[in-house]
């Protein structure tokens, strides 16, 4: 893993804007918050006080292969003391470029030295990419926004929206709230031999392997609208197969934190 680090800065002032746009909207700004998702336990926002007169805001993202970290340090007068932008990758290489923050435009909805509950912010970084000889390669813009949910009602609309968006962002669920990587995957409870026998009776030309994607709900049943056929069959046969898959299969549902959830899985049936 390579860590590329550099920093700026001087005495640029933070702007306080009580009417800062909501955090809970999809836009061009990268989102960072301290709601840990249910599986990876990722908190992408961390707020600390290195001293009584300083505050540090950390924003982090990792895909597992690459990632970036932004750290903004303020003093009690709301001057920006320094900013770091770190980019890392698990690919080892020579002459890695450096990234130096040239400018930052930062807005907060409140003075964090008075209260950090529901603190949110929005910033734009101008970052210079510099080669090993010190020459400027290019300048890029990075947009970020953050919000702390510490002490916020977990049943609130804002909290639930952010939690669900985190699950989607980190590939834990899809847009419909269906889990892609649950703690415990679903498993077939009913007798597959009975299902295979019924399927073979439908047609003399039934495929040797039937490949589908299905969603198993919390009650252990296949949801009809979720079935996606990877094996080509005619529409009439597809309707009959769908009916059998729903009526003749019973599942132990997937679980997350010991709670039954919807999950999407490949379901392959060998007829021969």
C-alpha atoms as a PDB file:
ATOM      1  CA  UNK A   1       0.000   0.000   0.000  1.00  0.00           C
ATOM      2  CA  UNK A   2       1.265   3.458  -0.908  1.00  0.00           C
ATOM      3  CA  UNK A   3       0.288   6.514   1.113  1.00  0.00           C
ATOM      4  CA  UNK A   4       0.648   9.842  -0.637  1.00  0.00           C
ATOM      5  CA  UNK A   5       0.508  12.770   1.750  1.00  0.00           C
ATOM      6  CA  UNK A   6       0.842  16.525   1.614  1.00  0.00           C
ATOM      7  CA  UNK A   7      -0.708  19.531   3.253  1.00  0.00           C
ATOM      8  CA  UNK A   8      -1.514  23.187   2.941  1.00  0.00           C
ATOM      9  CA  UNK A   9      -2.238  26.104   4.644  1.00  0.00           C
ATOM     10  CA  UNK A  10      -2.602  29.420   6.323  1.00  0.00           C
ATOM     11  CA  UNK A  11      -5.396  31.451   7.801  1.00  0.00           C
ATOM     12  CA  UNK A  12      -8.390  31.055   5.462  1.00  0.00           C
ATOM     13  CA  UNK A  13     -11.645  31.631   7.296  1.00  0.00           C
ATOM     14  CA  UNK A  14     -14.569  29.226   7.604  1.00  0.00           C
ATOM     15  CA  UNK A  15     -17.942  30.568   6.431  1.00  0.00           C
ATOM     16  CA  UNK A  16     -20.879  29.980   8.793  1.00  0.00           C
ATOM     17  CA  UNK A  17     -24.105  29.454   6.856  1.00  0.00           C
ATOM     18  CA  UNK A  18     -27.148  28.376   8.882  1.00  0.00           C
ATOM     19  CA  UNK A  19     -29.007  27.740   5.619  1.00  0.00           C
ATOM     20  CA  UNK A  20     -26.430  25.297   4.274  1.00  0.00           C
ATOM     21  CA  UNK A  21     -28.148  22.825   1.888  1.00  0.00           C
ATOM     22  CA  UNK A  22     -29.365  19.572   3.433  1.00  0.00           C
ATOM     23  CA  UNK A  23     -26.948  16.675   3.722  1.00  0.00           C
ATOM     24  CA  UNK A  24     -29.665  14.163   2.833  1.00  0.00           C
ATOM     25  CA  UNK A  25     -29.753  14.774  -0.915  1.00  0.00           C
ATOM     26  CA  UNK A  26     -27.912  13.162  -3.802  1.00  0.00           C
ATOM     27  CA  UNK A  27     -25.690  15.679  -5.559  1.00  0.00           C
ATOM     28  CA  UNK A  28     -22.142  16.133  -6.853  1.00  0.00           C
ATOM     29  CA  UNK A  29     -20.667  16.261  -3.318  1.00  0.00           C
ATOM     30  CA  UNK A  30     -19.049  13.173  -1.799  1.00  0.00           C
ATOM     31  CA  UNK A  31     -20.883  12.259   1.438  1.00  0.00           C
ATOM     32  CA  UNK A  32     -19.154  11.568   4.759  1.00  0.00           C
ATOM     33  CA  UNK A  33     -20.922  10.782   8.040  1.00  0.00           C
ATOM     34  CA  UNK A  34     -20.477   8.865  11.277  1.00  0.00           C
ATOM     35  CA  UNK A  35     -23.282   6.354  10.765  1.00  0.00           C
ATOM     36  CA  UNK A  36     -21.629   2.945  10.694  1.00  0.00           C
ATOM     37  CA  UNK A  37     -23.326   0.579   8.262  1.00  0.00           C
ATOM     38  CA  UNK A  38     -24.604  -2.742   9.568  1.00  0.00           C
ATOM     39  CA  UNK A  39     -21.914  -4.965   8.078  1.00  0.00           C
ATOM     40  CA  UNK A  40     -18.645  -3.149   7.415  1.00  0.00           C
ATOM     41  CA  UNK A  41     -18.962  -0.792  10.406  1.00  0.00           C
ATOM     42  CA  UNK A  42     -17.562   2.076   8.391  1.00  0.00           C
ATOM     43  CA  UNK A  43     -17.707   5.599   9.792  1.00  0.00           C
ATOM     44  CA  UNK A  44     -16.406   8.008   7.180  1.00  0.00           C
ATOM     45  CA  UNK A  45     -16.514  11.084   9.439  1.00  0.00           C
ATOM     46  CA  UNK A  46     -14.531  11.666  12.611  1.00  0.00           C
ATOM     47  CA  UNK A  47     -14.449  14.900  14.626  1.00  0.00           C
ATOM     48  CA  UNK A  48     -11.832  15.352  17.347  1.00  0.00           C
ATOM     49  CA  UNK A  49     -10.373  18.113  19.495  1.00  0.00           C
ATOM     50  CA  UNK A  50      -6.553  17.827  19.590  1.00  0.00           C
ATOM     51  CA  UNK A  51      -6.652  20.701  22.095  1.00  0.00           C
ATOM     52  CA  UNK A  52      -9.159  23.144  23.594  1.00  0.00           C
ATOM     53  CA  UNK A  53      -8.412  25.596  20.806  1.00  0.00           C
ATOM     54  CA  UNK A  54      -8.298  23.199  17.819  1.00  0.00           C
ATOM     55  CA  UNK A  55     -10.748  20.963  16.003  1.00  0.00           C
ATOM     56  CA  UNK A  56      -9.991  18.303  13.412  1.00  0.00           C
ATOM     57  CA  UNK A  57     -12.495  16.999  10.835  1.00  0.00           C
ATOM     58  CA  UNK A  58     -11.537  13.751   9.071  1.00  0.00           C
ATOM     59  CA  UNK A  59     -13.290  12.410   5.972  1.00  0.00           C
ATOM     60  CA  UNK A  60     -12.331   8.951   4.689  1.00  0.00           C
ATOM     61  CA  UNK A  61     -13.361   6.566   1.934  1.00  0.00           C
ATOM     62  CA  UNK A  62     -12.025   3.124   1.019  1.00  0.00           C
ATOM     63  CA  UNK A  63     -13.032   0.789  -1.790  1.00  0.00           C
ATOM     64  CA  UNK A  64     -10.673  -1.873  -0.485  1.00  0.00           C
ATOM     65  CA  UNK A  65      -8.241  -1.207  -3.351  1.00  0.00           C
ATOM     66  CA  UNK A  66      -8.010   2.577  -3.347  1.00  0.00           C
ATOM     67  CA  UNK A  67      -9.093   5.317  -1.016  1.00  0.00           C
ATOM     68  CA  UNK A  68      -8.685   8.887   0.083  1.00  0.00           C
ATOM     69  CA  UNK A  69      -8.543  10.782   3.358  1.00  0.00           C
ATOM     70  CA  UNK A  70      -9.180  14.477   3.909  1.00  0.00           C
ATOM     71  CA  UNK A  71      -8.243  16.127   7.206  1.00  0.00           C
ATOM     72  CA  UNK A  72      -9.195  19.737   7.973  1.00  0.00           C
ATOM     73  CA  UNK A  73      -7.879  21.443  11.100  1.00  0.00           C
ATOM     74  CA  UNK A  74      -9.470  24.634  12.472  1.00  0.00           C
ATOM     75  CA  UNK A  75      -8.643  26.892  15.365  1.00  0.00           C
ATOM     76  CA  UNK A  76     -11.067  28.540  17.770  1.00  0.00           C
ATOM     77  CA  UNK A  77     -11.209  31.669  15.612  1.00  0.00           C
ATOM     78  CA  UNK A  78     -12.523  29.458  12.771  1.00  0.00           C
ATOM     79  CA  UNK A  79      -9.370  29.917  10.767  1.00  0.00           C
ATOM     80  CA  UNK A  80      -8.293  26.900   8.683  1.00  0.00           C
ATOM     81  CA  UNK A  81      -4.904  25.888  10.064  1.00  0.00           C
ATOM     82  CA  UNK A  82      -4.131  23.200   7.494  1.00  0.00           C
ATOM     83  CA  UNK A  83      -5.693  20.716   5.107  1.00  0.00           C
ATOM     84  CA  UNK A  84      -4.359  17.333   3.991  1.00  0.00           C
ATOM     85  CA  UNK A  85      -5.479  15.199   1.102  1.00  0.00           C
ATOM     86  CA  UNK A  86      -4.133  11.641   1.169  1.00  0.00           C
ATOM     87  CA  UNK A  87      -4.611   9.205  -1.688  1.00  0.00           C
ATOM     88  CA  UNK A  88      -3.664   5.550  -1.367  1.00  0.00           C
ATOM     89  CA  UNK A  89      -3.678   2.444  -3.503  1.00  0.00           C
ATOM     90  CA  UNK A  90      -2.685  -1.174  -2.965  1.00  0.00           C
ATOM     91  CA  UNK A  91      -0.671  -1.103  -6.227  1.00  0.00           C
ATOM     92  CA  UNK A  92       3.017  -0.558  -5.555  1.00  0.00           C
ATOM     93  CA  UNK A  93       4.753   1.679  -8.067  1.00  0.00           C
ATOM     94  CA  UNK A  94       7.685   4.017  -8.544  1.00  0.00           C
ATOM     95  CA  UNK A  95       7.657   7.810  -8.837  1.00  0.00           C
ATOM     96  CA  UNK A  96       4.205   8.136  -7.304  1.00  0.00           C
ATOM     97  CA  UNK A  97       2.734  11.653  -7.605  1.00  0.00           C
ATOM     98  CA  UNK A  98       2.007  13.865  -4.623  1.00  0.00           C
ATOM     99  CA  UNK A  99      -1.226  15.715  -3.974  1.00  0.00           C
ATOM    100  CA  UNK A 100      -1.117  19.187  -2.421  1.00  0.00           C
ATOM    101  CA  UNK A 101      -4.222  21.143  -1.432  1.00  0.00           C
ATOM    102  CA  UNK A 102      -3.923  24.599  -2.965  1.00  0.00           C
ATOM    103  CA  UNK A 103      -7.275  26.076  -1.889  1.00  0.00           C
ATOM    104  CA  UNK A 104     -10.268  25.156   0.230  1.00  0.00           C
ATOM    105  CA  UNK A 105     -13.727  26.714   0.408  1.00  0.00           C
ATOM    106  CA  UNK A 106     -15.424  25.490   3.583  1.00  0.00           C
ATOM    107  CA  UNK A 107     -18.877  26.258   4.969  1.00  0.00           C
ATOM    108  CA  UNK A 108     -20.331  25.015   8.265  1.00  0.00           C
ATOM    109  CA  UNK A 109     -23.908  25.359   9.499  1.00  0.00           C
ATOM    110  CA  UNK A 110     -22.765  26.345  13.027  1.00  0.00           C
ATOM    111  CA  UNK A 111     -19.733  27.105  15.168  1.00  0.00           C
ATOM    112  CA  UNK A 112     -18.370  23.660  16.133  1.00  0.00           C
ATOM    113  CA  UNK A 113     -16.575  25.036  19.186  1.00  0.00           C
ATOM    114  CA  UNK A 114     -19.997  25.870  20.640  1.00  0.00           C
ATOM    115  CA  UNK A 115     -21.865  22.703  19.612  1.00  0.00           C
ATOM    116  CA  UNK A 116     -21.041  19.770  17.331  1.00  0.00           C
ATOM    117  CA  UNK A 117     -24.443  18.045  17.543  1.00  0.00           C
ATOM    118  CA  UNK A 118     -25.841  17.892  13.983  1.00  0.00           C
ATOM    119  CA  UNK A 119     -22.798  19.750  12.711  1.00  0.00           C
ATOM    120  CA  UNK A 120     -22.644  19.666   8.930  1.00  0.00           C
ATOM    121  CA  UNK A 121     -20.336  21.160   6.391  1.00  0.00           C
ATOM    122  CA  UNK A 122     -19.626  21.477   2.706  1.00  0.00           C
ATOM    123  CA  UNK A 123     -16.274  22.096   1.029  1.00  0.00           C
ATOM    124  CA  UNK A 124     -14.491  22.321  -2.304  1.00  0.00           C
ATOM    125  CA  UNK A 125     -10.788  21.485  -2.531  1.00  0.00           C
ATOM    126  CA  UNK A 126      -8.454  22.508  -5.331  1.00  0.00           C
ATOM    127  CA  UNK A 127      -5.700  19.897  -5.391  1.00  0.00           C
ATOM    128  CA  UNK A 128      -2.433  20.020  -7.308  1.00  0.00           C
ATOM    129  CA  UNK A 129      -1.031  16.732  -8.577  1.00  0.00           C
ATOM    130  CA  UNK A 130       2.767  16.953  -8.617  1.00  0.00           C
ATOM    131  CA  UNK A 131       5.290  14.509 -10.067  1.00  0.00           C
ATOM    132  CA  UNK A 132       8.467  13.277  -8.378  1.00  0.00           C
ATOM    133  CA  UNK A 133      10.506  16.143  -9.879  1.00  0.00           C
ATOM    134  CA  UNK A 134       8.169  18.753  -8.392  1.00  0.00           C
ATOM    135  CA  UNK A 135       6.422  19.630 -11.658  1.00  0.00           C
ATOM    136  CA  UNK A 136       2.685  20.253 -11.736  1.00  0.00           C
ATOM    137  CA  UNK A 137       0.838  17.479 -13.602  1.00  0.00           C
ATOM    138  CA  UNK A 138      -2.695  18.872 -13.253  1.00  0.00           C
ATOM    139  CA  UNK A 139      -5.147  20.419 -10.815  1.00  0.00           C
ATOM    140  CA  UNK A 140      -8.345  18.662  -9.785  1.00  0.00           C
ATOM    141  CA  UNK A 141     -11.391  19.651  -7.770  1.00  0.00           C
ATOM    142  CA  UNK A 142     -12.794  17.544  -4.944  1.00  0.00           C
ATOM    143  CA  UNK A 143     -16.223  18.270  -3.463  1.00  0.00           C
ATOM    144  CA  UNK A 144     -17.209  16.904  -0.074  1.00  0.00           C
ATOM    145  CA  UNK A 145     -19.904  17.304   2.542  1.00  0.00           C
ATOM    146  CA  UNK A 146     -20.312  15.831   5.994  1.00  0.00           C
ATOM    147  CA  UNK A 147     -22.741  15.561   8.881  1.00  0.00           C
ATOM    148  CA  UNK A 148     -22.474  14.089  12.361  1.00  0.00           C
ATOM    149  CA  UNK A 149     -25.389  12.000  13.587  1.00  0.00           C
ATOM    150  CA  UNK A 150     -24.081  11.455  17.119  1.00  0.00           C
ATOM    151  CA  UNK A 151     -26.991  11.804  19.520  1.00  0.00           C
ATOM    152  CA  UNK A 152     -29.567  12.017  16.719  1.00  0.00           C
ATOM    153  CA  UNK A 153     -32.776   9.958  16.916  1.00  0.00           C
ATOM    154  CA  UNK A 154     -32.130   6.746  14.957  1.00  0.00           C
ATOM    155  CA  UNK A 155     -35.784   6.649  13.945  1.00  0.00           C
ATOM    156  CA  UNK A 156     -35.562  10.052  12.283  1.00  0.00           C
ATOM    157  CA  UNK A 157     -36.053  10.340   8.522  1.00  0.00           C
ATOM    158  CA  UNK A 158     -32.588  11.871   8.043  1.00  0.00           C
ATOM    159  CA  UNK A 159     -30.841   9.062   9.920  1.00  0.00           C
ATOM    160  CA  UNK A 160     -32.706   6.315   8.062  1.00  0.00           C
ATOM    161  CA  UNK A 161     -32.062   7.933   4.674  1.00  0.00           C
ATOM    162  CA  UNK A 162     -28.333   8.162   5.347  1.00  0.00           C
ATOM    163  CA  UNK A 163     -28.095   4.601   6.673  1.00  0.00           C
ATOM    164  CA  UNK A 164     -29.821   3.218   3.572  1.00  0.00           C
ATOM    165  CA  UNK A 165     -27.648   5.300   1.227  1.00  0.00           C
ATOM    166  CA  UNK A 166     -24.521   3.997   2.972  1.00  0.00           C
ATOM    167  CA  UNK A 167     -25.657   0.421   2.435  1.00  0.00           C
ATOM    168  CA  UNK A 168     -26.144   1.097  -1.275  1.00  0.00           C
ATOM    169  CA  UNK A 169     -22.869   3.037  -1.606  1.00  0.00           C
ATOM    170  CA  UNK A 170     -20.794   0.248  -0.065  1.00  0.00           C
ATOM    171  CA  UNK A 171     -22.528  -2.486  -2.100  1.00  0.00           C
ATOM    172  CA  UNK A 172     -24.353  -4.007   0.876  1.00  0.00           C
ATOM    173  CA  UNK A 173     -27.847  -3.558  -0.568  1.00  0.00           C
ATOM    174  CA  UNK A 174     -29.276  -2.474  -3.898  1.00  0.00           C
ATOM    175  CA  UNK A 175     -31.609   0.480  -4.464  1.00  0.00           C
ATOM    176  CA  UNK A 176     -34.573  -1.640  -3.326  1.00  0.00           C
ATOM    177  CA  UNK A 177     -33.058  -2.468   0.060  1.00  0.00           C
ATOM    178  CA  UNK A 178     -32.223  -6.052  -0.946  1.00  0.00           C
ATOM    179  CA  UNK A 179     -29.037  -7.350   0.698  1.00  0.00           C
ATOM    180  CA  UNK A 180     -26.283  -8.477  -1.653  1.00  0.00           C
ATOM    181  CA  UNK A 181     -23.818  -9.624   1.026  1.00  0.00           C
ATOM    182  CA  UNK A 182     -25.724 -10.587   4.204  1.00  0.00           C
ATOM    183  CA  UNK A 183     -24.080 -12.076   7.292  1.00  0.00           C
ATOM    184  CA  UNK A 184     -25.856 -15.377   6.615  1.00  0.00           C
ATOM    185  CA  UNK A 185     -27.010 -16.341   3.139  1.00  0.00           C
ATOM    186  CA  UNK A 186     -30.425 -17.928   2.511  1.00  0.00           C
ATOM    187  CA  UNK A 187     -30.647 -21.699   2.170  1.00  0.00           C
ATOM    188  CA  UNK A 188     -33.274 -24.001   0.700  1.00  0.00           C
ATOM    189  CA  UNK A 189     -35.524 -25.635   3.290  1.00  0.00           C
ATOM    190  CA  UNK A 190     -37.835 -27.582   0.966  1.00  0.00           C
ATOM    191  CA  UNK A 191     -36.966 -30.782  -0.967  1.00  0.00           C
ATOM    192  CA  UNK A 192     -35.249 -29.863  -4.247  1.00  0.00           C
ATOM    193  CA  UNK A 193     -35.935 -33.327  -5.712  1.00  0.00           C
ATOM    194  CA  UNK A 194     -39.677 -32.712  -5.709  1.00  0.00           C
ATOM    195  CA  UNK A 195     -39.135 -29.390  -7.490  1.00  0.00           C
ATOM    196  CA  UNK A 196     -36.858 -30.967 -10.124  1.00  0.00           C
ATOM    197  CA  UNK A 197     -39.424 -33.704 -10.808  1.00  0.00           C
ATOM    198  CA  UNK A 198     -42.189 -31.158 -11.377  1.00  0.00           C
ATOM    199  CA  UNK A 199     -39.974 -29.025 -13.614  1.00  0.00           C
ATOM    200  CA  UNK A 200     -39.027 -32.004 -15.814  1.00  0.00           C
ATOM    201  CA  UNK A 201     -42.712 -32.753 -16.326  1.00  0.00           C
ATOM    202  CA  UNK A 202     -43.271 -29.336 -17.882  1.00  0.00           C
ATOM    203  CA  UNK A 203     -41.432 -30.003 -21.167  1.00  0.00           C
ATOM    204  CA  UNK A 204     -39.434 -32.641 -23.019  1.00  0.00           C
ATOM    205  CA  UNK A 205     -36.954 -29.927 -24.005  1.00  0.00           C
ATOM    206  CA  UNK A 206     -36.362 -28.567 -20.535  1.00  0.00           C
ATOM    207  CA  UNK A 207     -32.777 -27.203 -20.197  1.00  0.00           C
ATOM    208  CA  UNK A 208     -30.259 -29.365 -18.369  1.00  0.00           C
ATOM    209  CA  UNK A 209     -29.410 -26.415 -16.141  1.00  0.00           C
ATOM    210  CA  UNK A 210     -31.828 -23.631 -15.287  1.00  0.00           C
ATOM    211  CA  UNK A 211     -30.018 -20.470 -14.203  1.00  0.00           C
ATOM    212  CA  UNK A 212     -31.916 -17.680 -12.438  1.00  0.00           C
ATOM    213  CA  UNK A 213     -31.502 -14.788 -10.021  1.00  0.00           C
ATOM    214  CA  UNK A 214     -34.114 -14.576  -7.268  1.00  0.00           C
ATOM    215  CA  UNK A 215     -34.918 -12.429  -4.238  1.00  0.00           C
ATOM    216  CA  UNK A 216     -35.762 -14.345  -1.059  1.00  0.00           C
ATOM    217  CA  UNK A 217     -37.898 -12.272   1.304  1.00  0.00           C
ATOM    218  CA  UNK A 218     -37.939 -12.221   5.102  1.00  0.00           C
ATOM    219  CA  UNK A 219     -40.603 -14.962   5.138  1.00  0.00           C
ATOM    220  CA  UNK A 220     -38.425 -17.339   3.112  1.00  0.00           C
ATOM    221  CA  UNK A 221     -40.362 -17.052  -0.162  1.00  0.00           C
ATOM    222  CA  UNK A 222     -39.220 -16.115  -3.662  1.00  0.00           C
ATOM    223  CA  UNK A 223     -40.651 -12.791  -4.819  1.00  0.00           C
ATOM    224  CA  UNK A 224     -42.255 -13.273  -8.226  1.00  0.00           C
ATOM    225  CA  UNK A 225     -41.267  -9.894  -9.654  1.00  0.00           C
ATOM    226  CA  UNK A 226     -37.614 -10.528  -8.763  1.00  0.00           C
ATOM    227  CA  UNK A 227     -37.018 -13.649 -10.866  1.00  0.00           C
ATOM    228  CA  UNK A 228     -34.510 -13.053 -13.659  1.00  0.00           C
ATOM    229  CA  UNK A 229     -33.869 -15.895 -16.109  1.00  0.00           C
ATOM    230  CA  UNK A 230     -30.313 -16.365 -17.343  1.00  0.00           C
ATOM    231  CA  UNK A 231     -31.294 -19.517 -19.270  1.00  0.00           C
ATOM    232  CA  UNK A 232     -33.454 -18.778 -22.303  1.00  0.00           C
ATOM    233  CA  UNK A 233     -36.891 -20.414 -22.271  1.00  0.00           C
ATOM    234  CA  UNK A 234     -40.080 -19.459 -24.091  1.00  0.00           C
ATOM    235  CA  UNK A 235     -42.500 -17.141 -22.315  1.00  0.00           C
ATOM    236  CA  UNK A 236     -45.182 -19.800 -21.664  1.00  0.00           C
ATOM    237  CA  UNK A 237     -42.663 -22.164 -20.084  1.00  0.00           C
ATOM    238  CA  UNK A 238     -41.163 -19.283 -18.123  1.00  0.00           C
ATOM    239  CA  UNK A 239     -44.581 -18.547 -16.584  1.00  0.00           C
ATOM    240  CA  UNK A 240     -45.001 -22.194 -15.536  1.00  0.00           C
ATOM    241  CA  UNK A 241     -41.480 -22.331 -14.067  1.00  0.00           C
ATOM    242  CA  UNK A 242     -42.080 -19.123 -12.138  1.00  0.00           C
ATOM    243  CA  UNK A 243     -45.249 -20.578 -10.617  1.00  0.00           C
ATOM    244  CA  UNK A 244     -43.416 -23.731  -9.491  1.00  0.00           C
ATOM    245  CA  UNK A 245     -40.444 -21.837  -8.077  1.00  0.00           C
ATOM    246  CA  UNK A 246     -42.763 -19.761  -5.906  1.00  0.00           C
ATOM    247  CA  UNK A 247     -45.144 -22.534  -4.856  1.00  0.00           C
ATOM    248  CA  UNK A 248     -42.666 -25.369  -4.330  1.00  0.00           C
ATOM    249  CA  UNK A 249     -39.710 -23.721  -2.633  1.00  0.00           C
ATOM    250  CA  UNK A 250     -39.374 -22.680   0.975  1.00  0.00           C
ATOM    251  CA  UNK A 251     -36.234 -21.010   2.283  1.00  0.00           C
ATOM    252  CA  UNK A 252     -34.425 -20.103   5.442  1.00  0.00           C
ATOM    253  CA  UNK A 253     -34.063 -16.350   4.837  1.00  0.00           C
ATOM    254  CA  UNK A 254     -30.803 -14.439   4.924  1.00  0.00           C
ATOM    255  CA  UNK A 255     -29.868 -12.736   8.192  1.00  0.00           C
ATOM    256  CA  UNK A 256     -28.049  -9.570   9.200  1.00  0.00           C
ATOM    257  CA  UNK A 257     -27.332  -9.156  12.912  1.00  0.00           C
ATOM    258  CA  UNK A 258     -29.581 -12.218  13.488  1.00  0.00           C
ATOM    259  CA  UNK A 259     -32.506 -10.446  11.793  1.00  0.00           C
ATOM    260  CA  UNK A 260     -34.209 -11.913   8.690  1.00  0.00           C
ATOM    261  CA  UNK A 261     -33.725  -9.713   5.599  1.00  0.00           C
ATOM    262  CA  UNK A 262     -34.393  -9.769   1.868  1.00  0.00           C
ATOM    263  CA  UNK A 263     -31.483 -11.020  -0.212  1.00  0.00           C
ATOM    264  CA  UNK A 264     -30.662 -11.627  -3.867  1.00  0.00           C
ATOM    265  CA  UNK A 265     -28.950 -14.861  -4.895  1.00  0.00           C
ATOM    266  CA  UNK A 266     -28.251 -16.958  -8.013  1.00  0.00           C
ATOM    267  CA  UNK A 267     -30.465 -20.073  -8.088  1.00  0.00           C
ATOM    268  CA  UNK A 268     -29.217 -22.811 -10.425  1.00  0.00           C
ATOM    269  CA  UNK A 269     -31.216 -26.005 -10.832  1.00  0.00           C
ATOM    270  CA  UNK A 270     -29.679 -29.084 -12.469  1.00  0.00           C
ATOM    271  CA  UNK A 271     -32.363 -31.197 -14.148  1.00  0.00           C
ATOM    272  CA  UNK A 272     -30.205 -34.133 -15.257  1.00  0.00           C
END
